[in-house]
Protein backbone atom coordinates (compact mmCIF):
# COMPACT_ATOMS: atom_id res chain seq x y z
CA UNK A 1 17.07 -75.48 -1.27
CA UNK A 2 19.34 -72.76 -1.89
CA UNK A 3 21.52 -71.83 0.75
CA UNK A 4 23.65 -68.18 1.16
CA UNK A 5 26.20 -69.83 0.32
CA UNK A 6 25.49 -70.84 -3.32
CA UNK A 7 24.06 -67.15 -2.89
CA UNK A 8 27.63 -65.86 -2.02
CA UNK A 9 29.59 -67.88 -4.79
CA UNK A 10 27.53 -67.16 -7.53
CA UNK A 11 27.86 -63.05 -6.52
CA UNK A 12 31.59 -63.73 -6.10
CA UNK A 13 31.52 -62.76 -1.77
CA UNK A 14 31.45 -63.85 1.10
CA UNK A 15 28.63 -65.21 3.41
CA UNK A 16 29.30 -62.06 5.22
CA UNK A 17 28.72 -60.10 2.64
CA UNK A 18 26.13 -61.69 1.65
CA UNK A 19 24.41 -61.53 5.62
CA UNK A 20 25.16 -57.78 5.61
CA UNK A 21 22.89 -57.15 1.82
CA UNK A 22 20.04 -59.12 2.88
CA UNK A 23 20.02 -57.62 6.73
CA UNK A 24 20.44 -53.85 4.87
CA UNK A 25 23.83 -52.92 5.84
CA UNK A 26 24.84 -49.45 4.20
CA UNK A 27 27.46 -49.84 4.25
CA UNK A 28 29.11 -53.09 1.80
CA UNK A 29 30.11 -51.15 -1.43
CA UNK A 30 27.08 -50.83 -4.04
CA UNK A 31 28.45 -52.96 -6.56
CA UNK A 32 28.90 -55.63 -4.58
CA UNK A 33 25.78 -55.35 -3.17
CA UNK A 34 23.96 -54.93 -6.64
CA UNK A 35 25.70 -58.29 -7.47
CA UNK A 36 24.05 -60.21 -3.80
CA UNK A 37 20.11 -59.34 -5.58
CA UNK A 38 21.36 -60.15 -8.32
CA UNK A 39 22.68 -63.91 -7.37
CA UNK A 40 19.60 -63.77 -5.06
CA UNK A 41 17.09 -62.98 -7.38
CA UNK A 42 18.97 -65.63 -10.60
CA UNK A 43 18.99 -68.69 -7.22
CA UNK A 44 15.44 -67.83 -5.56
CA UNK A 45 16.93 -67.55 -3.08
CA UNK A 46 14.67 -67.44 0.36
CA UNK A 47 16.67 -67.43 4.04
CA UNK A 48 15.40 -69.48 6.12
CA UNK A 49 13.13 -67.71 9.07
CA UNK A 50 13.43 -70.09 11.78
CA UNK A 51 17.90 -69.66 11.51
CA UNK A 52 17.15 -66.03 11.45
CA UNK A 53 14.99 -65.59 14.26
CA UNK A 54 16.75 -67.66 16.72
CA UNK A 55 19.86 -65.73 15.61
CA UNK A 56 18.53 -61.84 15.83
CA UNK A 57 15.10 -62.99 18.47
CA UNK A 58 12.85 -61.50 16.68
CA UNK A 59 10.49 -63.10 13.89
CA UNK A 60 11.75 -61.47 10.92
CA UNK A 61 8.42 -59.57 10.17
CA UNK A 62 7.74 -56.24 10.15
CA UNK A 63 4.33 -54.60 10.98
CA UNK A 64 2.92 -51.87 9.02
CA UNK A 65 0.28 -49.90 10.82
CA UNK A 66 -1.58 -47.71 8.67
CA UNK A 67 -3.76 -44.05 10.05
CA UNK A 68 -6.48 -45.00 7.51
CA UNK A 69 -6.06 -47.15 4.63
CA UNK A 70 -9.38 -45.49 2.67
CA UNK A 71 -7.42 -42.35 2.00
CA UNK A 72 -6.90 -44.55 -1.35
CA UNK A 73 -3.65 -43.52 -3.02
CA UNK A 74 -1.49 -42.05 -1.09
CA UNK A 75 -1.41 -44.70 1.66
CA UNK A 76 -1.39 -47.15 -0.86
CA UNK A 77 2.14 -45.96 -2.33
CA UNK A 78 3.16 -44.96 0.88
CA UNK A 79 2.05 -49.19 1.65
CA UNK A 80 4.23 -50.16 -1.79
CA UNK A 81 7.18 -48.75 -0.61
CA UNK A 82 7.64 -49.80 2.81
CA UNK A 83 6.93 -53.20 1.16
CA UNK A 84 9.30 -53.61 -1.68
CA UNK A 85 12.50 -51.87 0.53
CA UNK A 86 10.66 -54.88 3.87
CA UNK A 87 10.93 -57.55 0.22
CA UNK A 88 14.32 -55.91 -0.83
CA UNK A 89 15.72 -57.41 2.11
CA UNK A 90 14.02 -60.30 3.09
CA UNK A 91 11.35 -59.50 5.31
CA UNK A 92 8.07 -60.09 5.09
CA UNK A 93 5.37 -57.99 6.29
CA UNK A 94 1.95 -57.36 7.82
CA UNK A 95 -0.52 -55.02 7.46
CA UNK A 96 -2.53 -52.83 10.17
CA UNK A 97 -5.66 -50.40 9.21
CA UNK A 98 -5.97 -48.21 12.49
CA UNK A 99 -9.07 -46.64 11.34
CA UNK A 100 -8.12 -42.67 12.97
CA UNK A 101 -8.75 -44.92 16.30
CA UNK A 102 -5.90 -44.29 19.31
CA UNK A 103 -7.79 -47.65 20.88
CA UNK A 104 -7.65 -50.25 17.70
CA UNK A 105 -3.91 -48.65 16.63
CA UNK A 106 -2.56 -49.48 20.54
CA UNK A 107 -3.98 -52.68 20.29
CA UNK A 108 -2.36 -53.48 16.92
CA UNK A 109 0.98 -52.10 18.77
CA UNK A 110 0.23 -54.57 21.05
CA UNK A 111 0.32 -57.64 18.72
CA UNK A 112 3.38 -56.58 17.12
CA UNK A 113 4.90 -56.53 20.43
CA UNK A 114 2.98 -60.63 21.50
CA UNK A 115 4.42 -61.82 17.99
CA UNK A 116 7.95 -60.06 19.04
CA UNK A 117 8.85 -58.62 15.49
CA UNK A 118 11.62 -57.50 13.97
CA UNK A 119 9.87 -54.08 13.38
CA UNK A 120 7.17 -51.44 13.09
CA UNK A 121 6.86 -48.19 10.24
CA UNK A 122 3.57 -46.65 12.31
CA UNK A 123 1.50 -43.56 10.82
CA UNK A 124 0.30 -42.69 14.34
CA UNK A 125 -3.17 -41.24 14.70
CA UNK A 126 -2.13 -38.43 17.23
CA UNK A 127 0.08 -37.14 19.39
CA UNK A 128 -1.20 -38.71 22.29
CA UNK A 129 0.30 -42.19 20.72
CA UNK A 130 2.61 -44.49 22.98
CA UNK A 131 5.65 -46.16 21.61
CA UNK A 132 7.36 -46.57 25.17
CA UNK A 133 5.62 -50.00 24.79
CA UNK A 134 7.42 -51.12 21.75
CA UNK A 135 11.34 -49.67 22.43
CA UNK A 136 10.73 -50.81 25.72
CA UNK A 137 10.15 -54.36 24.14
CA UNK A 138 13.84 -53.92 22.55
CA UNK A 139 11.65 -53.26 18.40
CA UNK A 140 12.57 -50.82 16.01
CA UNK A 141 9.83 -47.86 14.85
CA UNK A 142 9.84 -45.90 12.30
CA UNK A 143 7.06 -43.15 11.93
CA UNK A 144 5.79 -42.12 8.12
CA UNK A 145 3.83 -39.19 7.48
CA UNK A 146 3.18 -38.56 10.43
CA UNK A 147 5.75 -36.89 13.53
CA UNK A 148 5.05 -37.47 17.25
CA UNK A 149 5.98 -34.92 19.84
CA UNK A 150 9.13 -34.83 21.30
CA UNK A 151 11.82 -36.77 18.17
CA UNK A 152 11.10 -40.37 19.70
CA UNK A 153 11.72 -42.21 16.30
CA UNK A 154 12.93 -42.50 13.40
CA UNK A 155 10.96 -39.63 11.50
CA UNK A 156 9.44 -39.93 7.50
CA UNK A 157 7.39 -37.01 5.98
CA UNK A 158 6.53 -34.62 3.15
CA UNK A 159 6.93 -31.10 3.41
CA UNK A 160 3.69 -30.53 4.43
CA UNK A 161 4.67 -26.43 5.04
CA UNK A 162 5.94 -25.85 2.04
CA UNK A 163 3.70 -27.17 0.17
CA UNK A 164 0.47 -25.34 1.35
CA UNK A 165 2.79 -22.28 1.34
CA UNK A 166 3.43 -22.73 -2.66
CA UNK A 167 -0.08 -23.98 -3.40
CA UNK A 168 -1.96 -20.99 -1.79
CA UNK A 169 1.30 -18.23 -3.19
CA UNK A 170 0.51 -19.58 -6.43
CA UNK A 171 -3.51 -18.29 -5.72
CA UNK A 172 -2.48 -15.25 -4.44
CA UNK A 173 -0.19 -14.32 -7.85
CA UNK A 174 -3.29 -15.48 -9.93
CA UNK A 175 -5.33 -12.87 -8.83
CA UNK A 176 -7.26 -14.85 -6.14
CA UNK A 177 -7.88 -12.12 -2.46
CA UNK A 178 -10.56 -14.56 -0.22
CA UNK A 179 -8.36 -17.63 -0.69
CA UNK A 180 -10.37 -20.11 1.91
CA UNK A 181 -8.49 -23.79 3.66
CA UNK A 182 -9.79 -26.91 4.35
CA UNK A 183 -8.11 -28.73 6.89
CA UNK A 184 -7.72 -32.07 8.94
CA UNK A 185 -7.90 -32.68 13.20
CA UNK A 186 -5.57 -30.06 13.82
CA UNK A 187 -3.86 -33.25 16.31
CA UNK A 188 -2.17 -34.51 12.94
CA UNK A 189 0.78 -32.81 12.86
CA UNK A 190 -0.24 -33.13 8.82
CA UNK A 191 -3.35 -30.59 9.13
CA UNK A 192 -1.09 -28.60 11.84
CA UNK A 193 2.08 -27.93 9.05
CA UNK A 194 -0.35 -27.50 6.32
CA UNK A 195 -2.34 -24.88 7.83
CA UNK A 196 1.43 -23.67 9.04
CA UNK A 197 1.76 -23.18 5.53
CA UNK A 198 -1.30 -21.61 4.53
CA UNK A 199 -0.75 -19.26 7.31
CA UNK A 200 2.26 -18.68 5.98
CA UNK A 201 2.13 -17.74 2.49
CA UNK A 202 -1.38 -15.40 3.48
CA UNK A 203 1.48 -13.97 5.69
CA UNK A 204 4.06 -12.66 3.17
CA UNK A 205 1.83 -12.28 0.31
CA UNK A 206 0.35 -9.43 2.57
CA UNK A 207 -3.22 -10.95 2.68
CA UNK A 208 -5.12 -10.73 5.31
CA UNK A 209 -5.58 -13.72 7.38
CA UNK A 210 -9.90 -14.11 8.15
CA UNK A 211 -10.34 -16.90 10.41
CA UNK A 212 -14.05 -17.48 8.70
CA UNK A 213 -11.81 -19.36 5.57
CA UNK A 214 -10.79 -21.76 7.89
CA UNK A 215 -12.59 -24.64 8.51
CA UNK A 216 -11.49 -28.31 10.71
CA UNK A 217 -12.81 -31.34 8.82
CA UNK A 218 -11.53 -35.35 9.41
CA UNK A 219 -9.18 -35.73 6.32
CA UNK A 220 -12.80 -38.00 4.97
CA UNK A 221 -14.91 -36.92 2.01
CA UNK A 222 -18.62 -36.53 4.10
CA UNK A 223 -16.27 -34.49 6.15
CA UNK A 224 -14.75 -32.01 3.34
CA UNK A 225 -18.43 -31.73 2.03
CA UNK A 226 -19.34 -30.63 4.65
CA UNK A 227 -16.17 -27.87 5.51
CA UNK A 228 -16.71 -27.20 1.40
CA UNK A 229 -20.70 -26.29 2.08
CA UNK A 230 -19.52 -24.17 5.15
CA UNK A 231 -17.62 -21.94 3.30
CA UNK A 232 -19.68 -21.52 0.76
CA UNK A 233 -22.23 -20.20 2.32
CA UNK A 234 -20.49 -17.15 4.24
CA UNK A 235 -22.03 -14.00 2.93
CA UNK A 236 -18.70 -13.16 1.35
CA UNK A 237 -17.67 -16.40 0.03
CA UNK A 238 -13.56 -17.67 -1.15
CA UNK A 239 -12.79 -17.32 -4.15
CA UNK A 240 -10.00 -20.48 -4.03
CA UNK A 241 -9.68 -23.12 -1.71
CA UNK A 242 -6.81 -24.90 -0.71
CA UNK A 243 -8.16 -28.76 0.37
CA UNK A 244 -5.61 -30.40 2.25
CA UNK A 245 -5.98 -34.25 0.92
CA UNK A 246 -7.42 -36.14 -1.41
CA UNK A 247 -10.61 -37.43 -0.10
CA UNK A 248 -11.50 -34.04 0.78
CA UNK A 249 -11.17 -32.62 -1.70
CA UNK A 250 -13.08 -34.84 -3.86
CA UNK A 251 -15.92 -33.91 -0.74
CA UNK A 252 -14.85 -30.12 -1.65
CA UNK A 253 -15.98 -30.91 -5.37
CA UNK A 254 -19.17 -32.34 -4.99
CA UNK A 255 -20.27 -29.52 -2.63
CA UNK A 256 -18.73 -27.07 -5.14
CA UNK A 257 -21.47 -29.26 -8.26
CA UNK A 258 -24.47 -29.00 -6.07
CA UNK A 259 -23.93 -25.03 -5.29
CA UNK A 260 -24.11 -25.19 -9.61
CA UNK A 261 -20.61 -23.48 -8.91
CA UNK A 262 -17.83 -23.70 -11.72
CA UNK A 263 -14.52 -23.88 -11.45
CA UNK A 264 -11.92 -22.14 -11.75
CA UNK A 265 -14.42 -18.65 -11.88
CA UNK A 266 -16.44 -18.83 -9.19
CA UNK A 267 -13.99 -20.82 -7.11
CA UNK A 268 -10.62 -21.71 -7.34
CA UNK A 269 -9.03 -25.26 -6.49
CA UNK A 270 -6.06 -26.96 -5.22
CA UNK A 271 -6.62 -29.84 -3.45
CA UNK A 272 -4.12 -31.24 -1.80
CA UNK A 273 -2.21 -34.80 -2.92
CA UNK A 274 -1.88 -36.03 -6.73
CA UNK A 275 -4.78 -37.86 -7.47
CA UNK A 276 -5.09 -40.15 -11.20
CA UNK A 277 -8.13 -38.20 -12.30
CA UNK A 278 -7.22 -34.85 -11.26
CA UNK A 279 -5.92 -33.80 -15.07
CA UNK A 280 -8.61 -35.57 -16.93
CA UNK A 281 -11.53 -33.94 -15.13
CA UNK A 282 -14.02 -31.56 -16.83
CA UNK A 283 -12.00 -28.63 -15.27
CA UNK A 284 -8.50 -30.28 -14.33
CA UNK A 285 -7.85 -30.40 -11.33
CA UNK A 286 -4.55 -28.36 -9.73
CA UNK A 287 -2.69 -30.46 -6.83
CA UNK A 288 0.08 -31.12 -4.40
CA UNK A 289 1.65 -34.60 -5.06
CA UNK A 290 3.86 -35.48 -2.74
CA UNK A 291 6.49 -38.46 -3.03
CA UNK A 292 4.08 -41.70 -0.82
CA UNK A 293 6.20 -44.27 -2.98
CA UNK A 294 9.86 -42.34 -1.36
CA UNK A 295 7.93 -41.62 2.01
CA UNK A 296 6.91 -45.31 2.02
CA UNK A 297 10.15 -47.03 0.97
CA UNK A 298 13.04 -44.44 3.29
CA UNK A 299 11.19 -45.70 5.91
CA UNK A 300 11.48 -49.33 5.04
CA UNK A 301 15.73 -48.14 4.28
CA UNK A 302 15.44 -46.39 7.76
CA UNK A 303 14.14 -49.10 9.60
CA UNK A 304 16.20 -51.64 7.93
CA UNK A 305 19.17 -49.14 9.33
CA UNK A 306 18.42 -49.87 12.35
CA UNK A 307 17.76 -53.34 12.31
CA UNK A 308 21.97 -53.21 11.45
CA UNK A 309 22.84 -51.81 13.98
CA UNK A 310 23.03 -48.34 13.59
CA UNK A 311 21.68 -46.48 17.21
CA UNK A 312 22.35 -42.77 16.90
CA UNK A 313 19.86 -39.97 17.71
CA UNK A 314 16.54 -40.51 16.05
CA UNK A 315 16.34 -39.00 12.12
CA UNK A 316 13.98 -37.12 10.87
CA UNK A 317 13.61 -36.77 6.58
CA UNK A 318 11.65 -34.25 5.00
CA UNK A 319 10.81 -35.55 1.32
CA UNK A 320 9.74 -32.42 -0.82
CA UNK A 321 6.53 -32.28 -2.32
CA UNK A 322 5.59 -30.72 -6.39
CA UNK A 323 3.19 -28.27 -7.43
CA UNK A 324 1.14 -30.02 -10.64
CA UNK A 325 -0.35 -26.44 -12.00
CA UNK A 326 -3.63 -26.65 -14.24
CA UNK A 327 -6.79 -25.42 -15.44
CA UNK A 328 -8.75 -25.64 -11.52
CA UNK A 329 -6.43 -22.47 -9.86
CA UNK A 330 -5.72 -20.27 -13.60
CA UNK A 331 -5.64 -17.29 -12.86
CA UNK A 332 -8.75 -14.72 -12.66
CA UNK A 333 -8.06 -13.18 -16.21
CA UNK A 334 -8.03 -16.75 -18.04
CA UNK A 335 -10.72 -18.24 -15.66
CA UNK A 336 -12.70 -18.53 -18.85
CA UNK A 337 -10.48 -21.12 -20.56
CA UNK A 338 -11.89 -24.18 -18.87
CA UNK A 339 -8.96 -26.57 -18.77
CA UNK A 340 -5.43 -26.21 -18.83
CA UNK A 341 -2.96 -28.53 -18.49
CA UNK A 342 0.09 -29.01 -16.21
CA UNK A 343 2.96 -26.66 -16.19
CA UNK A 344 5.73 -25.64 -14.34
CA UNK A 345 5.53 -23.09 -10.98
CA UNK A 346 8.44 -22.26 -10.22
CA UNK A 347 7.66 -18.85 -12.74
CA UNK A 348 3.84 -18.03 -11.21
CA UNK A 349 5.07 -17.95 -7.01
CA UNK A 350 6.74 -15.01 -4.98
CA UNK A 351 9.83 -15.12 -4.90
CA UNK A 352 10.07 -16.00 -0.98
CA UNK A 353 8.38 -19.40 -1.52
CA UNK A 354 10.04 -20.47 -4.15
CA UNK A 355 13.30 -19.90 -2.34
CA UNK A 356 10.97 -21.77 0.34
CA UNK A 357 11.09 -25.17 -2.30
CA UNK A 358 14.24 -24.77 -2.44
CA UNK A 359 15.45 -24.63 0.39
CA UNK A 360 12.88 -27.63 1.47
CA UNK A 361 14.52 -29.38 -1.48
CA UNK A 362 18.12 -28.77 -0.50
CA UNK A 363 17.41 -30.28 3.58
CA UNK A 364 16.14 -33.37 2.03
CA UNK A 365 18.62 -34.97 0.48
CA UNK A 366 21.74 -33.03 3.24
CA UNK A 367 19.63 -35.63 5.60
CA UNK A 368 19.93 -38.35 2.31
CA UNK A 369 23.42 -38.11 1.84
CA UNK A 370 24.61 -37.90 5.86
CA UNK A 371 22.90 -41.04 7.36
């Protein structure tokens, strides 16, 4: 088996430098770190897990606990981002699906403690998720996609408020006035923040808030379909809708089709989360895309920094979203044209909405450079 000394010799560095690179220490010169990674790859080096466990007092494995893996491409990309980050640093990981069930989530966190894992990356099921047993056991934790009250751990999220606000500002700029919102369980910060962005865009644009146009669902297809059917049953139905995750968007589209309505002539639609088939629909779907892979990879980076000795206060990284404008949200004057490709959105948005996006990206850049 290849030894760490052989890796060090190949890379032209000390064994201590190799160790620091493998443990995710960010203070290593980038050029040296790149040489070490090339040497690790060339020599097919694999760290001795038993020795590492004895030295670090944990088993050198990560646990990734996802709230609901059935969300589809979004969480698949998050998982891939975490896995790549872990693999690059020499850590294996195991994946758990909590299925939005607090009891199931707690069981997996207890398993992580029993297995003495090196760290946990978690999408919390709700505000009652308790990290105390992990912290008491000395296990590093990073929250991905959702926050917990009190800022108890490093957290990586998308800019949900700005993403939803940009989408609604775009719809209003395109002539829609009865804009509905289908959001998820209010116990999750993703749902509440996207609702906040929706309401904020209405207020900025001077469009009256109508509580009948807001529906809370379950982030799943059937919930999205039921919520959309209820909205379409209103005496004064919406002329546009923001649906705040991809599975509910699929349900909403089904309900619109069953009602024999046309998109966007009868109702415009924007979904939250980019979907591979969005541009392929008969009416290409406008979406708010999140940097899902980056969200997972950044979570891995924060966990590695903790395992490398960072002991500062909890950090929050906010990653920017992107509005992909397609035919499903075309301006009312152009609604007769059922198809259309993506185009830049900045020129179509009110100045305040564009400013919010710019500030969000600047905040993410500062956060990334300040750790």
